[in-house]
Protein backbone atom coordinates (compact mmCIF):
# COMPACT_ATOMS: atom_id res chain seq x y z
CA UNK A 1 27.21 31.10 13.17
CA UNK A 2 28.10 27.67 11.83
CA UNK A 3 26.47 24.97 14.00
CA UNK A 4 29.11 22.46 13.00
CA UNK A 5 31.82 24.62 14.60
CA UNK A 6 29.99 25.70 17.71
CA UNK A 7 31.57 22.94 19.72
CA UNK A 8 35.03 24.40 19.05
CA UNK A 9 34.09 27.59 20.92
CA UNK A 10 32.50 25.81 23.89
CA UNK A 11 35.23 24.27 26.05
CA UNK A 12 32.80 23.21 28.78
CA UNK A 13 30.67 21.28 26.30
CA UNK A 14 33.78 19.76 24.74
CA UNK A 15 34.88 18.43 28.11
CA UNK A 16 31.39 17.09 28.74
CA UNK A 17 31.34 15.39 25.35
CA UNK A 18 34.65 13.72 26.05
CA UNK A 19 33.32 12.45 29.37
CA UNK A 20 30.00 11.19 27.98
CA UNK A 21 31.17 10.00 24.58
CA UNK A 22 30.60 11.06 20.99
CA UNK A 23 26.98 9.86 20.89
CA UNK A 24 25.81 11.42 24.14
CA UNK A 25 24.15 14.36 22.39
CA UNK A 26 22.50 12.07 19.87
CA UNK A 27 21.07 9.85 22.62
CA UNK A 28 19.60 12.83 24.47
CA UNK A 29 18.05 14.21 21.28
CA UNK A 30 16.60 10.81 20.39
CA UNK A 31 15.07 10.40 23.82
CA UNK A 32 13.63 13.92 23.71
CA UNK A 33 12.06 13.23 20.32
CA UNK A 34 10.46 10.01 21.60
CA UNK A 35 9.03 11.85 24.61
CA UNK A 36 7.58 14.49 22.28
CA UNK A 37 5.45 11.81 20.63
CA UNK A 38 3.33 11.68 23.78
CA UNK A 39 2.09 15.16 22.93
CA UNK A 40 0.97 14.04 19.48
CA UNK A 41 -2.07 11.78 20.12
CA UNK A 42 -2.99 11.85 16.42
CA UNK A 43 0.14 9.78 15.79
CA UNK A 44 -1.44 6.87 17.67
CA UNK A 45 -4.42 6.85 15.32
CA UNK A 46 -2.69 7.42 11.97
CA UNK A 47 0.34 5.23 12.64
CA UNK A 48 -1.23 2.37 14.60
CA UNK A 49 -5.05 2.36 14.40
CA UNK A 50 -5.69 3.50 10.81
CA UNK A 51 -3.62 0.71 9.13
CA UNK A 52 -5.49 -1.90 11.18
CA UNK A 53 -8.87 -0.45 10.18
CA UNK A 54 -7.77 -0.34 6.53
CA UNK A 55 -6.53 -3.93 6.63
CA UNK A 56 -9.76 -5.07 8.33
CA UNK A 57 -11.98 -3.27 5.82
CA UNK A 58 -10.16 -4.51 2.73
CA UNK A 59 -9.71 -7.97 4.18
CA UNK A 60 -13.45 -8.28 4.79
CA UNK A 61 -14.27 -6.85 1.35
CA UNK A 62 -12.00 -9.35 -0.42
CA UNK A 63 -12.42 -12.28 1.96
CA UNK A 64 -12.99 -15.80 0.65
CA UNK A 65 -16.65 -16.08 -0.28
CA UNK A 66 -18.80 -17.76 -2.93
CA UNK A 67 -18.67 -16.33 -6.42
CA UNK A 68 -20.90 -13.32 -7.01
CA UNK A 69 -24.28 -13.93 -8.61
CA UNK A 70 -24.35 -13.03 -12.28
CA UNK A 71 -27.10 -10.50 -12.86
CA UNK A 72 -28.48 -10.37 -16.42
CA UNK A 73 -31.46 -8.69 -18.04
CA UNK A 74 -33.39 -10.32 -20.88
CA UNK A 75 -34.90 -7.90 -23.37
CA UNK A 76 -38.61 -8.58 -23.74
CA UNK A 77 -39.45 -10.31 -27.02
CA UNK A 78 -41.23 -13.40 -28.31
CA UNK A 79 -38.21 -15.53 -27.43
CA UNK A 80 -37.67 -14.01 -23.96
CA UNK A 81 -39.73 -16.64 -22.03
CA UNK A 82 -37.79 -19.47 -23.66
CA UNK A 83 -34.47 -17.72 -22.91
CA UNK A 84 -35.47 -17.27 -19.29
CA UNK A 85 -36.51 -20.90 -19.02
CA UNK A 86 -33.21 -22.10 -20.51
CA UNK A 87 -31.22 -20.07 -17.99
CA UNK A 88 -33.34 -21.24 -15.05
CA UNK A 89 -33.12 -24.88 -16.18
CA UNK A 90 -29.32 -24.84 -16.21
CA UNK A 91 -28.53 -26.39 -12.81
CA UNK A 92 -24.80 -25.90 -13.36
CA UNK A 93 -25.38 -22.14 -13.62
CA UNK A 94 -27.59 -21.64 -10.57
CA UNK A 95 -25.70 -18.42 -9.69
CA UNK A 96 -27.46 -16.62 -12.56
CA UNK A 97 -30.21 -14.14 -11.75
CA UNK A 98 -32.23 -13.15 -14.83
CA UNK A 99 -34.90 -10.46 -15.22
CA UNK A 100 -37.09 -9.59 -18.20
CA UNK A 101 -37.55 -5.90 -19.09
CA UNK A 102 -38.56 -3.86 -22.11
CA UNK A 103 -35.80 -2.97 -24.54
CA UNK A 104 -35.30 0.67 -23.49
CA UNK A 105 -35.53 -0.08 -19.77
CA UNK A 106 -33.23 -3.09 -20.09
CA UNK A 107 -30.50 -1.22 -21.96
CA UNK A 108 -30.77 1.78 -19.63
CA UNK A 109 -30.43 -0.45 -16.54
CA UNK A 110 -27.45 -2.22 -18.13
CA UNK A 111 -25.70 1.04 -19.00
CA UNK A 112 -26.14 2.25 -15.41
CA UNK A 113 -24.47 -0.92 -14.11
CA UNK A 114 -27.52 -2.55 -12.55
CA UNK A 115 -26.95 -5.66 -14.68
CA UNK A 116 -23.76 -7.30 -15.89
CA UNK A 117 -25.18 -8.30 -19.26
CA UNK A 118 -28.19 -7.70 -21.52
CA UNK A 119 -29.50 -10.50 -23.76
CA UNK A 120 -31.75 -10.13 -26.77
CA UNK A 121 -33.39 -13.06 -28.57
CA UNK A 122 -33.48 -12.58 -32.34
CA UNK A 123 -36.30 -13.86 -34.64
CA UNK A 124 -33.93 -16.36 -36.29
CA UNK A 125 -33.23 -18.05 -32.93
CA UNK A 126 -29.81 -16.43 -32.36
CA UNK A 127 -28.88 -14.21 -29.44
CA UNK A 128 -27.27 -10.79 -29.14
CA UNK A 129 -25.23 -9.98 -26.04
CA UNK A 130 -24.81 -6.39 -24.87
CA UNK A 131 -21.74 -6.18 -22.65
CA UNK A 132 -19.14 -3.62 -21.56
CA UNK A 133 -15.57 -4.74 -22.35
CA UNK A 134 -14.25 -2.29 -19.74
CA UNK A 135 -16.11 -4.11 -16.94
CA UNK A 136 -14.54 -7.46 -16.02
CA UNK A 137 -17.80 -8.74 -14.55
CA UNK A 138 -19.56 -7.97 -17.83
CA UNK A 139 -16.97 -9.86 -19.86
CA UNK A 140 -17.16 -12.84 -17.50
CA UNK A 141 -20.97 -12.78 -17.58
CA UNK A 142 -20.97 -12.94 -21.37
CA UNK A 143 -18.89 -16.13 -21.30
CA UNK A 144 -20.93 -17.66 -18.46
CA UNK A 145 -24.32 -16.92 -20.01
CA UNK A 146 -23.21 -18.13 -23.42
CA UNK A 147 -22.05 -21.39 -21.84
CA UNK A 148 -25.34 -21.77 -20.00
CA UNK A 149 -27.45 -21.21 -23.11
CA UNK A 150 -25.29 -23.43 -25.29
CA UNK A 151 -25.48 -26.25 -22.71
CA UNK A 152 -29.25 -25.85 -22.41
CA UNK A 153 -29.50 -26.08 -26.20
CA UNK A 154 -27.73 -29.44 -26.17
CA UNK A 155 -24.08 -28.58 -26.75
CA UNK A 156 -21.68 -31.20 -25.41
CA UNK A 157 -18.18 -30.43 -24.21
CA UNK A 158 -15.50 -32.05 -26.35
CA UNK A 159 -13.08 -32.43 -23.44
CA UNK A 160 -13.61 -33.71 -19.92
CA UNK A 161 -12.30 -31.20 -17.38
CA UNK A 162 -12.22 -30.76 -13.62
CA UNK A 163 -11.56 -27.79 -11.35
CA UNK A 164 -10.05 -27.47 -7.90
CA UNK A 165 -10.23 -24.33 -5.78
CA UNK A 166 -7.10 -22.94 -4.15
CA UNK A 167 -7.48 -20.43 -1.33
CA UNK A 168 -4.76 -21.46 1.10
CA UNK A 169 -3.00 -18.81 3.23
CA UNK A 170 -0.31 -17.21 1.12
CA UNK A 171 -2.35 -17.15 -2.08
CA UNK A 172 -5.15 -14.84 -0.97
CA UNK A 173 -5.53 -11.11 -1.56
CA UNK A 174 -5.13 -10.33 2.15
CA UNK A 175 -1.72 -12.04 2.10
CA UNK A 176 -0.71 -9.73 -0.74
CA UNK A 177 -2.26 -6.70 0.93
CA UNK A 178 -0.75 -6.79 4.44
CA UNK A 179 2.92 -6.39 3.35
CA UNK A 180 1.86 -3.58 1.01
CA UNK A 181 0.02 -1.79 3.83
CA UNK A 182 3.05 -2.27 6.06
CA UNK A 183 5.34 -0.66 3.48
CA UNK A 184 2.89 2.18 2.84
CA UNK A 185 2.53 2.85 6.55
CA UNK A 186 6.31 2.99 7.01
CA UNK A 187 6.49 5.49 4.15
CA UNK A 188 3.67 7.65 5.53
CA UNK A 189 4.91 7.68 9.11
CA UNK A 190 8.53 8.26 8.05
CA UNK A 191 7.85 11.18 5.74
CA UNK A 192 5.00 12.85 7.60
CA UNK A 193 6.40 12.12 11.05
CA UNK A 194 9.76 13.71 10.23
CA UNK A 195 8.94 16.26 7.53
CA UNK A 196 5.92 17.67 9.34
CA UNK A 197 7.68 17.76 12.73
CA UNK A 198 10.75 19.50 11.28
CA UNK A 199 8.77 22.30 9.64
CA UNK A 200 6.61 22.67 12.74
CA UNK A 201 9.73 23.21 14.84
CA UNK A 202 10.97 25.73 12.29
CA UNK A 203 7.68 27.64 12.44
CA UNK A 204 7.69 27.66 16.24
CA UNK A 205 11.26 29.07 16.16
CA UNK A 206 12.57 26.04 18.04
CA UNK A 207 15.32 25.46 15.49
CA UNK A 208 16.69 28.94 16.16
CA UNK A 209 17.13 27.93 19.79
CA UNK A 210 18.94 24.77 18.75
CA UNK A 211 21.44 26.88 16.80
CA UNK A 212 22.58 28.48 20.04
CA UNK A 213 23.32 25.13 21.66
CA UNK A 214 26.49 23.04 21.34
CA UNK A 215 24.74 20.48 19.17
CA UNK A 216 25.91 18.89 15.97
CA UNK A 217 23.58 19.16 13.01
CA UNK A 218 24.31 15.50 12.23
CA UNK A 219 23.14 14.41 15.68
CA UNK A 220 19.94 16.40 15.37
CA UNK A 221 18.99 14.98 11.97
CA UNK A 222 20.02 11.44 12.94
CA UNK A 223 17.87 11.63 16.06
CA UNK A 224 14.86 12.73 14.02
CA UNK A 225 15.37 9.92 11.52
CA UNK A 226 16.08 7.09 13.92
CA UNK A 227 13.18 8.02 16.23
CA UNK A 228 10.98 6.33 13.63
CA UNK A 229 12.65 3.01 14.43
CA UNK A 230 10.87 2.85 17.77
CA UNK A 231 7.50 3.32 16.11
CA UNK A 232 8.50 0.91 13.35
CA UNK A 233 8.80 -2.02 15.74
CA UNK A 234 5.30 -1.35 17.06
CA UNK A 235 3.87 -0.87 13.54
CA UNK A 236 5.31 -4.13 12.26
CA UNK A 237 4.21 -6.07 15.31
CA UNK A 238 0.65 -4.72 15.30
CA UNK A 239 -0.05 -5.12 11.58
CA UNK A 240 1.56 -8.55 11.23
CA UNK A 241 -0.05 -9.76 14.44
CA UNK A 242 -3.43 -8.52 13.21
CA UNK A 243 -3.00 -10.40 9.94
CA UNK A 244 -1.98 -13.60 11.70
CA UNK A 245 -4.71 -13.54 14.35
CA UNK A 246 -7.64 -12.23 12.29
CA UNK A 247 -6.90 -13.51 8.76
CA UNK A 248 -4.68 -16.50 9.64
CA UNK A 249 -1.70 -15.26 7.64
CA UNK A 250 1.43 -17.37 7.60
CA UNK A 251 4.77 -15.61 7.96
CA UNK A 252 7.00 -17.97 6.00
CA UNK A 253 10.25 -16.03 6.48
CA UNK A 254 12.26 -14.91 9.46
CA UNK A 255 10.68 -12.34 11.78
CA UNK A 256 14.15 -10.85 12.21
CA UNK A 257 14.38 -10.32 8.44
CA UNK A 258 11.00 -8.56 8.47
CA UNK A 259 12.15 -6.29 11.31
CA UNK A 260 15.43 -5.50 9.56
CA UNK A 261 13.63 -4.68 6.33
CA UNK A 262 11.19 -2.50 8.26
CA UNK A 263 14.09 -0.72 9.95
CA UNK A 264 15.79 -0.08 6.63
CA UNK A 265 12.53 1.17 5.14
CA UNK A 266 11.86 3.46 8.11
CA UNK A 267 15.35 4.97 7.89
CA UNK A 268 15.11 5.34 4.09
CA UNK A 269 11.80 7.17 4.21
CA UNK A 270 12.98 9.16 7.20
CA UNK A 271 15.90 10.39 5.10
CA UNK A 272 13.56 11.26 2.22
CA UNK A 273 11.31 13.10 4.69
CA UNK A 274 14.30 15.10 5.95
CA UNK A 275 15.31 16.00 2.43
CA UNK A 276 11.78 17.06 1.55
CA UNK A 277 11.47 19.34 4.60
CA UNK A 278 15.05 20.58 4.97
CA UNK A 279 14.21 24.02 3.52
CA UNK A 280 10.41 24.24 3.72
CA UNK A 281 9.19 27.19 5.75
CA UNK A 282 5.47 26.47 6.11
CA UNK A 283 3.28 23.48 6.86
CA UNK A 284 1.38 24.08 3.61
CA UNK A 285 4.62 23.95 1.63
CA UNK A 286 5.90 20.72 3.15
CA UNK A 287 2.46 19.10 2.82
CA UNK A 288 2.49 19.73 -0.91
CA UNK A 289 6.08 18.52 -1.28
CA UNK A 290 5.46 15.31 0.68
CA UNK A 291 2.34 14.52 -1.32
CA UNK A 292 4.26 15.21 -4.54
CA UNK A 293 7.00 12.76 -3.52
CA UNK A 294 4.64 10.05 -2.28
CA UNK A 295 2.05 10.20 -5.06
CA UNK A 296 4.06 8.17 -7.63
CA UNK A 297 4.68 5.49 -5.01
CA UNK A 298 1.02 5.32 -3.99
CA UNK A 299 0.11 4.73 -7.63
CA UNK A 300 2.94 2.59 -9.00
CA UNK A 301 4.53 0.69 -6.11
CA UNK A 302 1.98 -2.11 -5.82
CA UNK A 303 0.34 -1.42 -2.47
CA UNK A 304 -3.17 -2.59 -3.41
CA UNK A 305 -2.50 -4.35 -6.73
CA UNK A 306 0.50 -5.68 -8.63
CA UNK A 307 2.54 -3.19 -10.63
CA UNK A 308 2.81 -5.85 -13.34
CA UNK A 309 -0.43 -4.37 -14.67
CA UNK A 310 1.53 -1.35 -15.88
CA UNK A 311 3.37 -1.46 -19.25
CA UNK A 312 6.67 -3.34 -19.18
CA UNK A 313 8.55 -0.22 -20.26
CA UNK A 314 7.67 1.39 -16.91
CA UNK A 315 8.87 -1.50 -14.75
CA UNK A 316 12.52 -0.34 -14.38
CA UNK A 317 11.31 3.04 -13.11
CA UNK A 318 8.79 1.40 -10.78
CA UNK A 319 11.34 -1.03 -9.33
CA UNK A 320 13.71 1.87 -8.61
CA UNK A 321 11.16 3.46 -6.25
CA UNK A 322 11.91 2.84 -2.56
CA UNK A 323 8.36 1.74 -1.71
CA UNK A 324 8.42 -0.82 -4.52
CA UNK A 325 11.68 -2.26 -3.23
CA UNK A 326 10.32 -2.39 0.34
CA UNK A 327 6.98 -3.95 -0.65
CA UNK A 328 8.64 -6.56 -2.87
CA UNK A 329 11.13 -7.45 -0.14
CA UNK A 330 8.44 -7.72 2.55
CA UNK A 331 6.21 -9.88 0.34
CA UNK A 332 9.10 -12.15 -0.64
CA UNK A 333 10.02 -12.62 3.03
CA UNK A 334 6.52 -12.97 4.48
CA UNK A 335 4.80 -14.95 1.70
CA UNK A 336 7.66 -16.86 0.05
CA UNK A 337 10.08 -17.19 2.97
CA UNK A 338 12.95 -15.57 1.04
CA UNK A 339 16.13 -14.85 2.97
CA UNK A 340 17.52 -11.36 3.41
CA UNK A 341 20.63 -12.26 1.44
CA UNK A 342 18.61 -13.20 -1.63
CA UNK A 343 17.21 -9.66 -1.82
CA UNK A 344 20.42 -7.70 -2.03
CA UNK A 345 19.16 -5.63 -4.97
CA UNK A 346 16.09 -4.40 -3.10
CA UNK A 347 18.11 -3.74 0.05
CA UNK A 348 20.59 -1.75 -2.04
CA UNK A 349 17.80 0.39 -3.51
CA UNK A 350 16.54 1.26 -0.01
CA UNK A 351 20.06 1.95 1.26
CA UNK A 352 20.85 4.27 -1.65
CA UNK A 353 17.62 6.22 -1.25
CA UNK A 354 18.11 6.60 2.50
CA UNK A 355 21.85 7.37 2.38
CA UNK A 356 21.74 9.86 -0.49
CA UNK A 357 18.68 11.61 0.96
CA UNK A 358 20.29 11.98 4.38
CA UNK A 359 23.56 13.33 2.95
CA UNK A 360 21.74 15.88 0.78
CA UNK A 361 19.48 16.87 3.68
CA UNK A 362 22.54 17.36 5.89
CA UNK A 363 24.09 19.61 3.26
CA UNK A 364 21.02 21.68 2.40
CA UNK A 365 19.39 21.86 5.83
CA UNK A 366 18.51 25.31 7.14
CA UNK A 367 17.86 26.12 10.77
CA UNK A 368 15.67 29.12 9.91
């Protein structure tokens, strides 16, 4: 039986639909789906509580704090006491902590990451630095220690310089992180909330019961997708409010633009979730498919760090991902105060992903 034509064989339902309007069935399905969320207490944790805990943990880890102490080990030799004294006498480099160890113990401790740098004094008065170019702290320590020793030896700077710190709201890591977490959470809740629920209903044979009702397939899928909009408003409000109250974030752009972008992102990922689960028969199958779809976006879309770190040749592919477009749009609005109209390209990417996914899901969807 074709669900799209059931209404033609149900005169009573047809009369009811004419009385209540075209969207009556959709409204009832949407309300039923929202009520079902009360029976899923894990949603409260994963959708609302977990992002706040993640933001709090990362915000505390990368909060504004004094620079880390540089930890170096001096290899024991005849020149080690003088090297240690030169480092300790450098008042400008008071954040240096130096320890003297035997050669084998010093190199072993350095290789295991206990020290950022190992220094060896040579008989001719020169120094050898042992550092790991793959560790940023080791590279920075080499430059800092070299500067400290050169200054202690009497080197004078040829140029007069000054430095000024800049850690205002909008330029901190937490300001970069919150929009990324918001986008990631919309992706997770949209795909898992819809894909998982759809396959669960298929396993419980609920979809077979829906086939026997005068219900349009379009209304059913639209209700599943748009039910995420209700949660989206709460997600955006909680995470942004947490950032503003706890980390003193500044939302430079319009709150309405943020909500509209969140709505578009929720619908886009809802459509992708529908497409992913439209034919899956088991929870294990849809779990693998959802993880397969989301994995590239977790890695490339700039949730925790900028995707500019990837090779330039990959940037067109990365920018075509829906999570990248959503994260970039949210950051531009929240941090830079960009208007919605200035981000038409990113909005178009989200609209295409959501629209195409929903159309394909509508075409390939199976009730059983």
